[in-house]
Amino acid sequence: VFDKKDLFVDLAYLKLSTAGLDQFESVPLTLWGGKFETPWSFT
């Protein structure tokens, strides 16, 4: 009956990476924290 519709927090994250840092060129690292998109491979 025309009620108000819900809106939710779908993402809220901080992402840190070593992109562009020469000392980490061979071993790039990425760190996620919060609510984020799935960072691993899956089907």
PDB file of all heavy atoms in Angstrom:
ATOM      1  N   VAL A   1       0.819  -1.222   0.000  1.00  0.00           N
ATOM      2  CA  VAL A   1       0.000   0.000   0.000  1.00  0.00           C
ATOM      3  C   VAL A   1       0.851   1.269   0.000  1.00  0.00           C
ATOM      4  O   VAL A   1       0.759   2.123   0.885  1.00  0.00           O
ATOM      5  CB  VAL A   1      -0.973   0.008   1.200  1.00  0.00           C
ATOM      6  CG1 VAL A   1      -2.085   1.046   0.946  1.00  0.00           C
ATOM      7  CG2 VAL A   1      -1.573  -1.354   1.451  1.00  0.00           C
ATOM      8  N   PHE A   2       1.731   1.401  -0.995  1.00  0.00           N
ATOM      9  CA  PHE A   2       2.502   2.631  -1.225  1.00  0.00           C
ATOM     10  C   PHE A   2       3.454   2.972  -0.063  1.00  0.00           C
ATOM     11  O   PHE A   2       3.747   4.146   0.171  1.00  0.00           O
ATOM     12  CB  PHE A   2       1.582   3.828  -1.480  1.00  0.00           C
ATOM     13  CG  PHE A   2       0.542   3.590  -2.521  1.00  0.00           C
ATOM     14  CD1 PHE A   2      -0.752   4.049  -2.345  1.00  0.00           C
ATOM     15  CD2 PHE A   2       0.845   2.906  -3.695  1.00  0.00           C
ATOM     16  CE1 PHE A   2      -1.725   3.834  -3.315  1.00  0.00           C
ATOM     17  CE2 PHE A   2      -0.109   2.691  -4.666  1.00  0.00           C
ATOM     18  CZ  PHE A   2      -1.397   3.152  -4.474  1.00  0.00           C
ATOM     19  N   ASP A   3       3.913   1.986   0.704  1.00  0.00           N
ATOM     20  CA  ASP A   3       4.800   2.301   1.825  1.00  0.00           C
ATOM     21  C   ASP A   3       6.173   2.749   1.320  1.00  0.00           C
ATOM     22  O   ASP A   3       6.500   2.617   0.147  1.00  0.00           O
ATOM     23  CB  ASP A   3       4.948   1.100   2.770  1.00  0.00           C
ATOM     24  CG  ASP A   3       5.706  -0.055   2.133  1.00  0.00           C
ATOM     25  OD1 ASP A   3       5.823  -0.086   0.890  1.00  0.00           O
ATOM     26  OD2 ASP A   3       6.183  -0.929   2.867  1.00  0.00           O
ATOM     27  N   LYS A   4       6.962   3.320   2.202  1.00  0.00           N
ATOM     28  CA  LYS A   4       8.309   3.759   1.855  1.00  0.00           C
ATOM     29  C   LYS A   4       9.193   2.539   1.596  1.00  0.00           C
ATOM     30  O   LYS A   4       9.043   1.505   2.249  1.00  0.00           O
ATOM     31  CB  LYS A   4       8.912   4.598   2.982  1.00  0.00           C
ATOM     32  CG  LYS A   4       8.056   5.782   3.411  1.00  0.00           C
ATOM     33  CD  LYS A   4       7.801   6.753   2.267  1.00  0.00           C
ATOM     34  CE  LYS A   4       6.978   7.942   2.741  1.00  0.00           C
ATOM     35  NZ  LYS A   4       6.619   8.856   1.638  1.00  0.00           N
ATOM     36  N   LYS A   5      10.128   2.671   0.668  1.00  0.00           N
ATOM     37  CA  LYS A   5      10.987   1.556   0.302  1.00  0.00           C
ATOM     38  C   LYS A   5      12.337   1.677   0.999  1.00  0.00           C
ATOM     39  O   LYS A   5      12.875   2.774   1.179  1.00  0.00           O
ATOM     40  CB  LYS A   5      11.184   1.500  -1.212  1.00  0.00           C
ATOM     41  CG  LYS A   5       9.870   1.432  -1.993  1.00  0.00           C
ATOM     42  CD  LYS A   5       8.990   0.282  -1.526  1.00  0.00           C
ATOM     43  CE  LYS A   5       7.658   0.273  -2.259  1.00  0.00           C
ATOM     44  NZ  LYS A   5       6.734  -0.763  -1.737  1.00  0.00           N
ATOM     45  N   ASP A   6      12.894   0.514   1.350  1.00  0.00           N
ATOM     46  CA  ASP A   6      14.151   0.484   2.095  1.00  0.00           C
ATOM     47  C   ASP A   6      15.346   0.762   1.196  1.00  0.00           C
ATOM     48  O   ASP A   6      15.367   0.424   0.013  1.00  0.00           O
ATOM     49  CB  ASP A   6      14.336  -0.892   2.751  1.00  0.00           C
ATOM     50  CG  ASP A   6      13.316  -1.155   3.838  1.00  0.00           C
ATOM     51  OD1 ASP A   6      12.984  -0.195   4.553  1.00  0.00           O
ATOM     52  OD2 ASP A   6      12.867  -2.310   3.965  1.00  0.00           O
ATOM     53  N   LEU A   7      16.350   1.382   1.793  1.00  0.00           N
ATOM     54  CA  LEU A   7      17.627   1.631   1.133  1.00  0.00           C
ATOM     55  C   LEU A   7      18.716   1.200   2.111  1.00  0.00           C
ATOM     56  O   LEU A   7      18.707   1.602   3.272  1.00  0.00           O
ATOM     57  CB  LEU A   7      17.775   3.110   0.774  1.00  0.00           C
ATOM     58  CG  LEU A   7      18.853   3.481  -0.245  1.00  0.00           C
ATOM     59  CD1 LEU A   7      18.544   2.852  -1.601  1.00  0.00           C
ATOM     60  CD2 LEU A   7      18.965   4.991  -0.375  1.00  0.00           C
ATOM     61  N   PHE A   8      19.669   0.383   1.637  1.00  0.00           N
ATOM     62  CA  PHE A   8      20.665  -0.219   2.516  1.00  0.00           C
ATOM     63  C   PHE A   8      22.080   0.160   2.091  1.00  0.00           C
ATOM     64  O   PHE A   8      22.324   0.524   0.936  1.00  0.00           O
ATOM     65  CB  PHE A   8      20.535  -1.743   2.499  1.00  0.00           C
ATOM     66  CG  PHE A   8      19.226  -2.253   3.021  1.00  0.00           C
ATOM     67  CD1 PHE A   8      18.167  -2.511   2.161  1.00  0.00           C
ATOM     68  CD2 PHE A   8      19.037  -2.463   4.377  1.00  0.00           C
ATOM     69  CE1 PHE A   8      16.957  -2.981   2.642  1.00  0.00           C
ATOM     70  CE2 PHE A   8      17.829  -2.934   4.873  1.00  0.00           C
ATOM     71  CZ  PHE A   8      16.793  -3.189   4.007  1.00  0.00           C
ATOM     72  N   VAL A   9      23.008   0.055   3.038  1.00  0.00           N
ATOM     73  CA  VAL A   9      24.427   0.222   2.731  1.00  0.00           C
ATOM     74  C   VAL A   9      24.900  -1.043   2.031  1.00  0.00           C
ATOM     75  O   VAL A   9      24.939  -2.125   2.626  1.00  0.00           O
ATOM     76  CB  VAL A   9      25.246   0.471   4.010  1.00  0.00           C
ATOM     77  CG1 VAL A   9      26.728   0.554   3.662  1.00  0.00           C
ATOM     78  CG2 VAL A   9      24.784   1.751   4.697  1.00  0.00           C
ATOM     79  N   ASP A  10      25.254  -0.927   0.767  1.00  0.00           N
ATOM     80  CA  ASP A  10      25.693  -2.073  -0.036  1.00  0.00           C
ATOM     81  C   ASP A  10      27.217  -2.190  -0.052  1.00  0.00           C
ATOM     82  O   ASP A  10      27.755  -3.298  -0.129  1.00  0.00           O
ATOM     83  CB  ASP A  10      25.150  -1.918  -1.457  1.00  0.00           C
ATOM     84  CG  ASP A  10      25.289  -3.180  -2.273  1.00  0.00           C
ATOM     85  OD1 ASP A  10      25.139  -4.286  -1.704  1.00  0.00           O
ATOM     86  OD2 ASP A  10      25.545  -3.088  -3.497  1.00  0.00           O
ATOM     87  N   LEU A  11      27.913  -1.069  -0.002  1.00  0.00           N
ATOM     88  CA  LEU A  11      29.379  -1.036   0.071  1.00  0.00           C
ATOM     89  C   LEU A  11      29.800   0.088   1.007  1.00  0.00           C
ATOM     90  O   LEU A  11      29.195   1.156   1.010  1.00  0.00           O
ATOM     91  CB  LEU A  11      30.007  -0.790  -1.304  1.00  0.00           C
ATOM     92  CG  LEU A  11      29.862  -1.845  -2.391  1.00  0.00           C
ATOM     93  CD1 LEU A  11      30.458  -1.315  -3.701  1.00  0.00           C
ATOM     94  CD2 LEU A  11      30.532  -3.146  -1.995  1.00  0.00           C
ATOM     95  N   ALA A  12      30.839  -0.167   1.786  1.00  0.00           N
ATOM     96  CA  ALA A  12      31.475   0.871   2.603  1.00  0.00           C
ATOM     97  C   ALA A  12      32.849   0.325   2.967  1.00  0.00           C
ATOM     98  O   ALA A  12      32.979  -0.477   3.893  1.00  0.00           O
ATOM     99  CB  ALA A  12      30.668   1.192   3.850  1.00  0.00           C
ATOM    100  N   TYR A  13      33.866   0.718   2.223  1.00  0.00           N
ATOM    101  CA  TYR A  13      35.150   0.027   2.344  1.00  0.00           C
ATOM    102  C   TYR A  13      36.332   0.987   2.195  1.00  0.00           C
ATOM    103  O   TYR A  13      36.210   2.106   1.685  1.00  0.00           O
ATOM    104  CB  TYR A  13      35.258  -1.055   1.278  1.00  0.00           C
ATOM    105  CG  TYR A  13      35.385  -0.503  -0.131  1.00  0.00           C
ATOM    106  CD1 TYR A  13      36.625  -0.246  -0.695  1.00  0.00           C
ATOM    107  CD2 TYR A  13      34.248  -0.211  -0.891  1.00  0.00           C
ATOM    108  CE1 TYR A  13      36.742   0.278  -1.975  1.00  0.00           C
ATOM    109  CE2 TYR A  13      34.354   0.308  -2.164  1.00  0.00           C
ATOM    110  CZ  TYR A  13      35.605   0.543  -2.702  1.00  0.00           C
ATOM    111  OH  TYR A  13      35.726   1.080  -3.966  1.00  0.00           O
ATOM    112  N   LEU A  14      37.474   0.478   2.622  1.00  0.00           N
ATOM    113  CA  LEU A  14      38.769   1.119   2.385  1.00  0.00           C
ATOM    114  C   LEU A  14      39.684   0.067   1.773  1.00  0.00           C
ATOM    115  O   LEU A  14      39.775  -1.056   2.278  1.00  0.00           O
ATOM    116  CB  LEU A  14      39.372   1.634   3.691  1.00  0.00           C
ATOM    117  CG  LEU A  14      40.725   2.353   3.582  1.00  0.00           C
ATOM    118  CD1 LEU A  14      40.574   3.655   2.795  1.00  0.00           C
ATOM    119  CD2 LEU A  14      41.313   2.628   4.964  1.00  0.00           C
ATOM    120  N   LYS A  15      40.331   0.435   0.683  1.00  0.00           N
ATOM    121  CA  LYS A  15      41.211  -0.486  -0.040  1.00  0.00           C
ATOM    122  C   LYS A  15      42.610   0.110  -0.103  1.00  0.00           C
ATOM    123  O   LYS A  15      42.796   1.231  -0.567  1.00  0.00           O
ATOM    124  CB  LYS A  15      40.663  -0.731  -1.446  1.00  0.00           C
ATOM    125  CG  LYS A  15      41.543  -1.598  -2.328  1.00  0.00           C
ATOM    126  CD  LYS A  15      40.915  -1.728  -3.723  1.00  0.00           C
ATOM    127  CE  LYS A  15      41.814  -2.473  -4.680  1.00  0.00           C
ATOM    128  NZ  LYS A  15      41.216  -2.546  -6.047  1.00  0.00           N
ATOM    129  N   LEU A  16      43.583  -0.649   0.366  1.00  0.00           N
ATOM    130  CA  LEU A  16      44.988  -0.236   0.338  1.00  0.00           C
ATOM    131  C   LEU A  16      45.764  -1.196  -0.550  1.00  0.00           C
ATOM    132  O   LEU A  16      45.574  -2.414  -0.468  1.00  0.00           O
ATOM    133  CB  LEU A  16      45.582  -0.250   1.750  1.00  0.00           C
ATOM    134  CG  LEU A  16      44.835   0.528   2.835  1.00  0.00           C
ATOM    135  CD1 LEU A  16      45.512   0.341   4.178  1.00  0.00           C
ATOM    136  CD2 LEU A  16      44.742   2.005   2.476  1.00  0.00           C
ATOM    137  N   SER A  17      46.625  -0.668  -1.399  1.00  0.00           N
ATOM    138  CA  SER A  17      47.413  -1.523  -2.282  1.00  0.00           C
ATOM    139  C   SER A  17      48.821  -0.954  -2.435  1.00  0.00           C
ATOM    140  O   SER A  17      49.090   0.191  -2.072  1.00  0.00           O
ATOM    141  CB  SER A  17      46.753  -1.647  -3.659  1.00  0.00           C
ATOM    142  OG  SER A  17      46.902  -0.441  -4.406  1.00  0.00           O
ATOM    143  N   THR A  18      49.692  -1.787  -2.970  1.00  0.00           N
ATOM    144  CA  THR A  18      51.076  -1.363  -3.196  1.00  0.00           C
ATOM    145  C   THR A  18      51.296  -0.961  -4.651  1.00  0.00           C
ATOM    146  O   THR A  18      52.449  -0.877  -5.098  1.00  0.00           O
ATOM    147  CB  THR A  18      52.040  -2.494  -2.822  1.00  0.00           C
ATOM    148  OG1 THR A  18      51.737  -3.659  -3.632  1.00  0.00           O
ATOM    149  CG2 THR A  18      51.905  -2.855  -1.350  1.00  0.00           C
ATOM    150  N   ALA A  19      50.234  -0.698  -5.390  1.00  0.00           N
ATOM    151  CA  ALA A  19      50.350  -0.304  -6.796  1.00  0.00           C
ATOM    152  C   ALA A  19      51.199   0.954  -6.928  1.00  0.00           C
ATOM    153  O   ALA A  19      51.009   1.927  -6.203  1.00  0.00           O
ATOM    154  CB  ALA A  19      48.964  -0.051  -7.383  1.00  0.00           C
ATOM    155  N   GLY A  20      52.144   0.930  -7.854  1.00  0.00           N
ATOM    156  CA  GLY A  20      52.996   2.082  -8.098  1.00  0.00           C
ATOM    157  C   GLY A  20      54.204   2.200  -7.192  1.00  0.00           C
ATOM    158  O   GLY A  20      55.015   3.122  -7.361  1.00  0.00           O
ATOM    159  N   LEU A  21      54.359   1.292  -6.251  1.00  0.00           N
ATOM    160  CA  LEU A  21      55.519   1.310  -5.357  1.00  0.00           C
ATOM    161  C   LEU A  21      56.564   0.337  -5.885  1.00  0.00           C
ATOM    162  O   LEU A  21      56.327  -0.871  -5.967  1.00  0.00           O
ATOM    163  CB  LEU A  21      55.106   0.925  -3.934  1.00  0.00           C
ATOM    164  CG  LEU A  21      54.062   1.834  -3.265  1.00  0.00           C
ATOM    165  CD1 LEU A  21      53.716   1.313  -1.877  1.00  0.00           C
ATOM    166  CD2 LEU A  21      54.564   3.267  -3.184  1.00  0.00           C
ATOM    167  N   ASP A  22      57.740   0.852  -6.247  1.00  0.00           N
ATOM    168  CA  ASP A  22      58.760   0.032  -6.882  1.00  0.00           C
ATOM    169  C   ASP A  22      59.208  -1.141  -6.011  1.00  0.00           C
ATOM    170  O   ASP A  22      59.485  -2.229  -6.518  1.00  0.00           O
ATOM    171  CB  ASP A  22      59.981   0.894  -7.234  1.00  0.00           C
ATOM    172  CG  ASP A  22      59.665   1.936  -8.297  1.00  0.00           C
ATOM    173  OD1 ASP A  22      58.673   1.729  -9.036  1.00  0.00           O
ATOM    174  OD2 ASP A  22      60.390   2.954  -8.378  1.00  0.00           O
ATOM    175  N   GLN A  23      59.270  -0.921  -4.703  1.00  0.00           N
ATOM    176  CA  GLN A  23      59.769  -1.974  -3.828  1.00  0.00           C
ATOM    177  C   GLN A  23      58.809  -3.153  -3.704  1.00  0.00           C
ATOM    178  O   GLN A  23      59.180  -4.224  -3.232  1.00  0.00           O
ATOM    179  CB  GLN A  23      60.092  -1.421  -2.436  1.00  0.00           C
ATOM    180  CG  GLN A  23      58.919  -0.781  -1.707  1.00  0.00           C
ATOM    181  CD  GLN A  23      58.815   0.707  -1.974  1.00  0.00           C
ATOM    182  OE1 GLN A  23      59.005   1.154  -3.097  1.00  0.00           O
ATOM    183  NE2 GLN A  23      58.533   1.476  -0.919  1.00  0.00           N
ATOM    184  N   PHE A  24      57.538  -2.966  -4.147  1.00  0.00           N
ATOM    185  CA  PHE A  24      56.562  -4.048  -4.109  1.00  0.00           C
ATOM    186  C   PHE A  24      56.150  -4.492  -5.509  1.00  0.00           C
ATOM    187  O   PHE A  24      55.141  -5.177  -5.660  1.00  0.00           O
ATOM    188  CB  PHE A  24      55.314  -3.608  -3.339  1.00  0.00           C
ATOM    189  CG  PHE A  24      55.529  -3.452  -1.864  1.00  0.00           C
ATOM    190  CD1 PHE A  24      55.810  -2.202  -1.320  1.00  0.00           C
ATOM    191  CD2 PHE A  24      55.463  -4.532  -1.017  1.00  0.00           C
ATOM    192  CE1 PHE A  24      56.001  -2.044   0.033  1.00  0.00           C
ATOM    193  CE2 PHE A  24      55.659  -4.391   0.344  1.00  0.00           C
ATOM    194  CZ  PHE A  24      55.928  -3.147   0.878  1.00  0.00           C
ATOM    195  N   GLU A  25      56.922  -4.119  -6.525  1.00  0.00           N
ATOM    196  CA  GLU A  25      56.533  -4.408  -7.897  1.00  0.00           C
ATOM    197  C   GLU A  25      56.388  -5.904  -8.152  1.00  0.00           C
ATOM    198  O   GLU A  25      55.491  -6.350  -8.869  1.00  0.00           O
ATOM    199  CB  GLU A  25      57.542  -3.806  -8.867  1.00  0.00           C
ATOM    200  CG  GLU A  25      57.180  -3.994 -10.330  1.00  0.00           C
ATOM    201  CD  GLU A  25      58.163  -3.311 -11.268  1.00  0.00           C
ATOM    202  OE1 GLU A  25      59.124  -2.684 -10.768  1.00  0.00           O
ATOM    203  OE2 GLU A  25      57.967  -3.411 -12.483  1.00  0.00           O
ATOM    204  N   SER A  26      57.260  -6.712  -7.556  1.00  0.00           N
ATOM    205  CA  SER A  26      57.235  -8.156  -7.804  1.00  0.00           C
ATOM    206  C   SER A  26      56.251  -8.888  -6.912  1.00  0.00           C
ATOM    207  O   SER A  26      55.876 -10.034  -7.196  1.00  0.00           O
ATOM    208  CB  SER A  26      58.635  -8.745  -7.605  1.00  0.00           C
ATOM    209  OG  SER A  26      59.095  -8.511  -6.282  1.00  0.00           O
ATOM    210  N   VAL A  27      55.819  -8.265  -5.829  1.00  0.00           N
ATOM    211  CA  VAL A  27      54.870  -8.909  -4.905  1.00  0.00           C
ATOM    212  C   VAL A  27      53.760  -7.918  -4.539  1.00  0.00           C
ATOM    213  O   VAL A  27      53.686  -7.438  -3.410  1.00  0.00           O
ATOM    214  CB  VAL A  27      55.570  -9.439  -3.638  1.00  0.00           C
ATOM    215  CG1 VAL A  27      56.324 -10.705  -3.918  1.00  0.00           C
ATOM    216  CG2 VAL A  27      56.504  -8.379  -3.062  1.00  0.00           C
ATOM    217  N   PRO A  28      52.879  -7.592  -5.481  1.00  0.00           N
ATOM    218  CA  PRO A  28      51.826  -6.609  -5.203  1.00  0.00           C
ATOM    219  C   PRO A  28      50.831  -7.123  -4.162  1.00  0.00           C
ATOM    220  O   PRO A  28      50.335  -8.244  -4.242  1.00  0.00           O
ATOM    221  CB  PRO A  28      51.148  -6.415  -6.567  1.00  0.00           C
ATOM    222  CG  PRO A  28      51.457  -7.675  -7.312  1.00  0.00           C
ATOM    223  CD  PRO A  28      52.789  -8.134  -6.843  1.00  0.00           C
ATOM    224  N   LEU A  29      50.534  -6.279  -3.183  1.00  0.00           N
ATOM    225  CA  LEU A  29      49.607  -6.605  -2.103  1.00  0.00           C
ATOM    226  C   LEU A  29      48.379  -5.707  -2.169  1.00  0.00           C
ATOM    227  O   LEU A  29      48.479  -4.544  -2.539  1.00  0.00           O
ATOM    228  CB  LEU A  29      50.278  -6.426  -0.745  1.00  0.00           C
ATOM    229  CG  LEU A  29      51.386  -7.410  -0.355  1.00  0.00           C
ATOM    230  CD1 LEU A  29      52.147  -6.881   0.849  1.00  0.00           C
ATOM    231  CD2 LEU A  29      50.798  -8.774  -0.049  1.00  0.00           C
ATOM    232  N   THR A  30      47.233  -6.251  -1.788  1.00  0.00           N
ATOM    233  CA  THR A  30      46.011  -5.465  -1.689  1.00  0.00           C
ATOM    234  C   THR A  30      45.290  -5.855  -0.403  1.00  0.00           C
ATOM    235  O   THR A  30      45.126  -7.052  -0.115  1.00  0.00           O
ATOM    236  CB  THR A  30      45.079  -5.701  -2.887  1.00  0.00           C
ATOM    237  OG1 THR A  30      45.780  -5.446  -4.108  1.00  0.00           O
ATOM    238  CG2 THR A  30      43.872  -4.771  -2.813  1.00  0.00           C
ATOM    239  N   LEU A  31      44.854  -4.860   0.355  1.00  0.00           N
ATOM    240  CA  LEU A  31      44.145  -5.084   1.611  1.00  0.00           C
ATOM    241  C   LEU A  31      42.791  -4.388   1.546  1.00  0.00           C
ATOM    242  O   LEU A  31      42.718  -3.205   1.191  1.00  0.00           O
ATOM    243  CB  LEU A  31      44.955  -4.543   2.791  1.00  0.00           C
ATOM    244  CG  LEU A  31      44.293  -4.578   4.170  1.00  0.00           C
ATOM    245  CD1 LEU A  31      44.115  -6.015   4.646  1.00  0.00           C
ATOM    246  CD2 LEU A  31      45.110  -3.771   5.176  1.00  0.00           C
ATOM    247  N   TRP A  32      41.715  -5.120   1.861  1.00  0.00           N
ATOM    248  CA  TRP A  32      40.365  -4.569   1.915  1.00  0.00           C
ATOM    249  C   TRP A  32      39.863  -4.609   3.352  1.00  0.00           C
ATOM    250  O   TRP A  32      40.137  -5.559   4.095  1.00  0.00           O
ATOM    251  CB  TRP A  32      39.390  -5.373   1.064  1.00  0.00           C
ATOM    252  CG  TRP A  32      39.598  -5.362  -0.403  1.00  0.00           C
ATOM    253  CD1 TRP A  32      39.010  -4.551  -1.343  1.00  0.00           C
ATOM    254  CD2 TRP A  32      40.438  -6.252  -1.157  1.00  0.00           C
ATOM    255  NE1 TRP A  32      39.434  -4.871  -2.605  1.00  0.00           N
ATOM    256  CE2 TRP A  32      40.309  -5.910  -2.523  1.00  0.00           C
ATOM    257  CE3 TRP A  32      41.284  -7.301  -0.804  1.00  0.00           C
ATOM    258  CZ2 TRP A  32      40.992  -6.588  -3.525  1.00  0.00           C
ATOM    259  CZ3 TRP A  32      41.976  -7.968  -1.797  1.00  0.00           C
ATOM    260  CH2 TRP A  32      41.827  -7.608  -3.151  1.00  0.00           C
ATOM    261  N   GLY A  33      39.090  -3.610   3.725  1.00  0.00           N
ATOM    262  CA  GLY A  33      38.442  -3.601   5.024  1.00  0.00           C
ATOM    263  C   GLY A  33      37.086  -2.936   4.933  1.00  0.00           C
ATOM    264  O   GLY A  33      36.935  -1.921   4.243  1.00  0.00           O
ATOM    265  N   GLY A  34      36.086  -3.503   5.607  1.00  0.00           N
ATOM    266  CA  GLY A  34      34.741  -2.939   5.578  1.00  0.00           C
ATOM    267  C   GLY A  34      33.761  -3.877   4.901  1.00  0.00           C
ATOM    268  O   GLY A  34      33.807  -5.095   5.087  1.00  0.00           O
ATOM    269  N   LYS A  35      32.883  -3.315   4.091  1.00  0.00           N
ATOM    270  CA  LYS A  35      31.913  -4.079   3.289  1.00  0.00           C
ATOM    271  C   LYS A  35      32.239  -3.812   1.828  1.00  0.00           C
ATOM    272  O   LYS A  35      32.091  -2.675   1.354  1.00  0.00           O
ATOM    273  CB  LYS A  35      30.484  -3.644   3.624  1.00  0.00           C
ATOM    274  CG  LYS A  35      29.394  -4.480   2.958  1.00  0.00           C
ATOM    275  CD  LYS A  35      28.020  -4.105   3.494  1.00  0.00           C
ATOM    276  CE  LYS A  35      26.917  -4.945   2.838  1.00  0.00           C
ATOM    277  NZ  LYS A  35      27.046  -6.388   3.156  1.00  0.00           N
ATOM    278  N   PHE A  36      32.689  -4.840   1.117  1.00  0.00           N
ATOM    279  CA  PHE A  36      33.278  -4.631  -0.207  1.00  0.00           C
ATOM    280  C   PHE A  36      32.863  -5.743  -1.158  1.00  0.00           C
ATOM    281  O   PHE A  36      32.274  -6.749  -0.755  1.00  0.00           O
ATOM    282  CB  PHE A  36      34.807  -4.567  -0.110  1.00  0.00           C
ATOM    283  CG  PHE A  36      35.404  -5.614   0.801  1.00  0.00           C
ATOM    284  CD1 PHE A  36      35.721  -6.878   0.340  1.00  0.00           C
ATOM    285  CD2 PHE A  36      35.641  -5.325   2.142  1.00  0.00           C
ATOM    286  CE1 PHE A  36      36.258  -7.837   1.180  1.00  0.00           C
ATOM    287  CE2 PHE A  36      36.181  -6.277   2.993  1.00  0.00           C
ATOM    288  CZ  PHE A  36      36.492  -7.539   2.522  1.00  0.00           C
ATOM    289  N   GLU A  37      33.169  -5.556  -2.435  1.00  0.00           N
ATOM    290  CA  GLU A  37      32.881  -6.582  -3.429  1.00  0.00           C
ATOM    291  C   GLU A  37      33.812  -7.775  -3.217  1.00  0.00           C
ATOM    292  O   GLU A  37      34.932  -7.628  -2.738  1.00  0.00           O
ATOM    293  CB  GLU A  37      33.032  -6.012  -4.838  1.00  0.00           C
ATOM    294  CG  GLU A  37      31.990  -4.942  -5.160  1.00  0.00           C
ATOM    295  CD  GLU A  37      32.124  -4.397  -6.570  1.00  0.00           C
ATOM    296  OE1 GLU A  37      33.247  -4.464  -7.111  1.00  0.00           O
ATOM    297  OE2 GLU A  37      31.127  -3.898  -7.123  1.00  0.00           O
ATOM    298  N   THR A  38      33.343  -8.944  -3.595  1.00  0.00           N
ATOM    299  CA  THR A  38      34.070 -10.183  -3.327  1.00  0.00           C
ATOM    300  C   THR A  38      35.448 -10.159  -3.990  1.00  0.00           C
ATOM    301  O   THR A  38      35.540 -10.079  -5.213  1.00  0.00           O
ATOM    302  CB  THR A  38      33.266 -11.381  -3.854  1.00  0.00           C
ATOM    303  OG1 THR A  38      31.920 -11.279  -3.400  1.00  0.00           O
ATOM    304  CG2 THR A  38      33.860 -12.680  -3.361  1.00  0.00           C
ATOM    305  N   PRO A  39      36.542 -10.251  -3.202  1.00  0.00           N
ATOM    306  CA  PRO A  39      37.880 -10.124  -3.778  1.00  0.00           C
ATOM    307  C   PRO A  39      38.520 -11.436  -4.209  1.00  0.00           C
ATOM    308  O   PRO A  39      39.657 -11.437  -4.667  1.00  0.00           O
ATOM    309  CB  PRO A  39      38.672  -9.493  -2.623  1.00  0.00           C
ATOM    310  CG  PRO A  39      38.043 -10.055  -1.403  1.00  0.00           C
ATOM    311  CD  PRO A  39      36.572 -10.226  -1.729  1.00  0.00           C
ATOM    312  N   TRP A  40      37.847 -12.565  -4.044  1.00  0.00           N
ATOM    313  CA  TRP A  40      38.416 -13.840  -4.456  1.00  0.00           C
ATOM    314  C   TRP A  40      37.664 -14.367  -5.677  1.00  0.00           C
ATOM    315  O   TRP A  40      36.550 -13.949  -5.976  1.00  0.00           O
ATOM    316  CB  TRP A  40      38.379 -14.847  -3.307  1.00  0.00           C
ATOM    317  CG  TRP A  40      37.009 -15.215  -2.819  1.00  0.00           C
ATOM    318  CD1 TRP A  40      36.216 -16.247  -3.278  1.00  0.00           C
ATOM    319  CD2 TRP A  40      36.240 -14.579  -1.788  1.00  0.00           C
ATOM    320  NE1 TRP A  40      35.024 -16.285  -2.604  1.00  0.00           N
ATOM    321  CE2 TRP A  40      35.013 -15.275  -1.665  1.00  0.00           C
ATOM    322  CE3 TRP A  40      36.476 -13.493  -0.940  1.00  0.00           C
ATOM    323  CZ2 TRP A  40      34.031 -14.914  -0.761  1.00  0.00           C
ATOM    324  CZ3 TRP A  40      35.494 -13.140  -0.037  1.00  0.00           C
ATOM    325  CH2 TRP A  40      34.294 -13.839   0.056  1.00  0.00           C
ATOM    326  N   SER A  41      38.263 -15.312  -6.377  1.00  0.00           N
ATOM    327  CA  SER A  41      37.648 -15.903  -7.569  1.00  0.00           C
ATOM    328  C   SER A  41      36.589 -16.919  -7.154  1.00  0.00           C
ATOM    329  O   SER A  41      36.791 -17.687  -6.208  1.00  0.00           O
ATOM    330  CB  SER A  41      38.712 -16.579  -8.434  1.00  0.00           C
ATOM    331  OG  SER A  41      39.674 -15.649  -8.880  1.00  0.00           O
ATOM    332  N   PHE A  42      35.478 -16.940  -7.868  1.00  0.00           N
ATOM    333  CA  PHE A  42      34.394 -17.852  -7.542  1.00  0.00           C
ATOM    334  C   PHE A  42      33.486 -18.001  -8.752  1.00  0.00           C
ATOM    335  O   PHE A  42      33.599 -17.266  -9.732  1.00  0.00           O
ATOM    336  CB  PHE A  42      33.582 -17.337  -6.336  1.00  0.00           C
ATOM    337  CG  PHE A  42      32.866 -16.034  -6.607  1.00  0.00           C
ATOM    338  CD1 PHE A  42      31.545 -16.027  -7.025  1.00  0.00           C
ATOM    339  CD2 PHE A  42      33.517 -14.820  -6.459  1.00  0.00           C
ATOM    340  CE1 PHE A  42      30.888 -14.828  -7.284  1.00  0.00           C
ATOM    341  CE2 PHE A  42      32.864 -13.624  -6.711  1.00  0.00           C
ATOM    342  CZ  PHE A  42      31.549 -13.634  -7.130  1.00  0.00           C
ATOM    343  N   THR A  43      32.570 -18.954  -8.678  1.00  0.00           N
ATOM    344  CA  THR A  43      31.539 -19.114  -9.700  1.00  0.00           C
ATOM    345  C   THR A  43      30.172 -18.988  -9.032  1.00  0.00           C
ATOM    346  O   THR A  43      30.049 -19.008  -7.806  1.00  0.00           O
ATOM    347  CB  THR A  43      31.643 -20.485 -10.394  1.00  0.00           C
ATOM    348  OG1 THR A  43      31.283 -21.515  -9.458  1.00  0.00           O
ATOM    349  CG2 THR A  43      33.052 -20.730 -10.908  1.00  0.00           C
TER     350      THR A  43
END
